[in-house]
C-alpha cells in the first residue's frame, strides 16, 4: 500500500524497527548510536546537520531531544519506534 502526494511516495506497509529502552527516555544522539546509525556520540551533531530526522512527523535536529516510549523516528526511509 502506498500514498502518492506531490511526487512523494509514502510506503505504509513497512513494519517499524523497535528500539527497546530501560529508562524513561533516551536522547536523539544516544538513539543514533544505539541504532548503529553513527559510531560514536561525538558524531551526532554533525550527522544531524547533514541528515533529516523526523520525530513524530516533525523535523528535529536537537541531539538532546528526549525520545520516550511510542515516539516514532523516521530516518532514510526507515521507521523506528521506542518501546
Protein backbone atom coordinates (compact mmCIF):
# COMPACT_ATOMS: atom_id res chain seq x y z
CA UNK A 1 0.00 0.00 0.00
CA UNK A 2 1.32 3.46 -0.80
CA UNK A 3 0.16 7.03 -1.00
CA UNK A 4 1.38 9.42 -3.65
CA UNK A 5 1.39 13.15 -2.89
CA UNK A 6 3.28 15.80 -4.87
CA UNK A 7 5.78 13.34 -6.34
CA UNK A 8 6.50 11.84 -2.91
CA UNK A 9 5.65 8.22 -2.33
CA UNK A 10 4.97 7.04 1.21
CA UNK A 11 5.09 3.30 1.85
CA UNK A 12 2.83 2.30 4.73
CA UNK A 13 3.47 -1.47 4.71
CA UNK A 14 6.85 -1.39 6.41
CA UNK A 15 6.92 -2.62 9.98
CA UNK A 16 8.78 -0.23 12.27
CA UNK A 17 12.05 -1.28 13.86
CA UNK A 18 11.51 -1.45 17.62
CA UNK A 19 14.15 0.06 19.89
CA UNK A 20 13.73 -1.04 23.49
CA UNK A 21 14.95 1.18 26.30
CA UNK A 22 15.12 0.53 30.05
CA UNK A 23 14.71 4.13 31.20
CA UNK A 24 12.13 6.91 30.93
CA UNK A 25 13.80 8.37 27.82
CA UNK A 26 16.81 8.27 25.52
CA UNK A 27 18.25 11.32 23.77
CA UNK A 28 18.25 11.52 19.98
CA UNK A 29 22.07 11.42 19.98
CA UNK A 30 22.05 8.26 22.14
CA UNK A 31 19.40 6.74 19.88
CA UNK A 32 21.54 7.30 16.76
CA UNK A 33 24.40 5.43 18.40
CA UNK A 34 22.18 2.70 19.87
CA UNK A 35 20.55 2.08 16.47
CA UNK A 36 24.03 1.81 14.83
CA UNK A 37 23.43 4.87 12.63
CA UNK A 38 26.55 6.57 13.96
CA UNK A 39 29.60 5.02 15.63
CA UNK A 40 30.16 7.50 18.46
CA UNK A 41 28.13 10.09 20.32
CA UNK A 42 30.51 12.79 19.09
CA UNK A 43 29.27 12.29 15.53
CA UNK A 44 25.65 13.15 16.40
CA UNK A 45 25.82 16.93 15.98
CA UNK A 46 27.46 16.83 12.55
CA UNK A 47 25.31 13.93 11.38
CA UNK A 48 22.11 15.75 12.34
CA UNK A 49 23.20 18.83 10.37
CA UNK A 50 23.53 16.76 7.19
CA UNK A 51 20.57 14.37 7.54
CA UNK A 52 16.83 14.72 8.02
CA UNK A 53 15.32 13.11 11.10
CA UNK A 54 11.59 13.17 11.73
CA UNK A 55 10.41 12.65 15.29
CA UNK A 56 6.68 12.03 15.43
CA UNK A 57 6.38 13.52 11.95
CA UNK A 58 8.31 16.74 12.68
CA UNK A 59 11.86 17.59 11.61
CA UNK A 60 14.20 17.68 14.61
CA UNK A 61 17.94 18.36 14.73
CA UNK A 62 18.46 18.54 18.52
CA UNK A 63 20.77 15.77 19.65
CA UNK A 64 19.44 16.25 23.20
CA UNK A 65 15.80 15.70 22.16
CA UNK A 66 14.26 13.25 24.63
CA UNK A 67 12.68 10.24 22.97
CA UNK A 68 10.10 8.40 25.04
CA UNK A 69 8.02 5.24 24.70
CA UNK A 70 5.96 5.15 21.48
CA UNK A 71 7.88 8.02 19.83
CA UNK A 72 8.33 7.38 16.10
CA UNK A 73 11.62 8.27 14.40
CA UNK A 74 12.00 8.31 10.60
CA UNK A 75 15.47 8.28 9.04
CA UNK A 76 16.35 7.46 5.44
CA UNK A 77 13.05 5.67 4.67
CA UNK A 78 13.36 3.58 7.86
CA UNK A 79 10.93 3.91 10.74
CA UNK A 80 11.90 3.23 14.35
CA UNK A 81 9.64 3.13 17.41
CA UNK A 82 10.80 3.49 21.00
CA UNK A 83 9.45 0.73 23.24
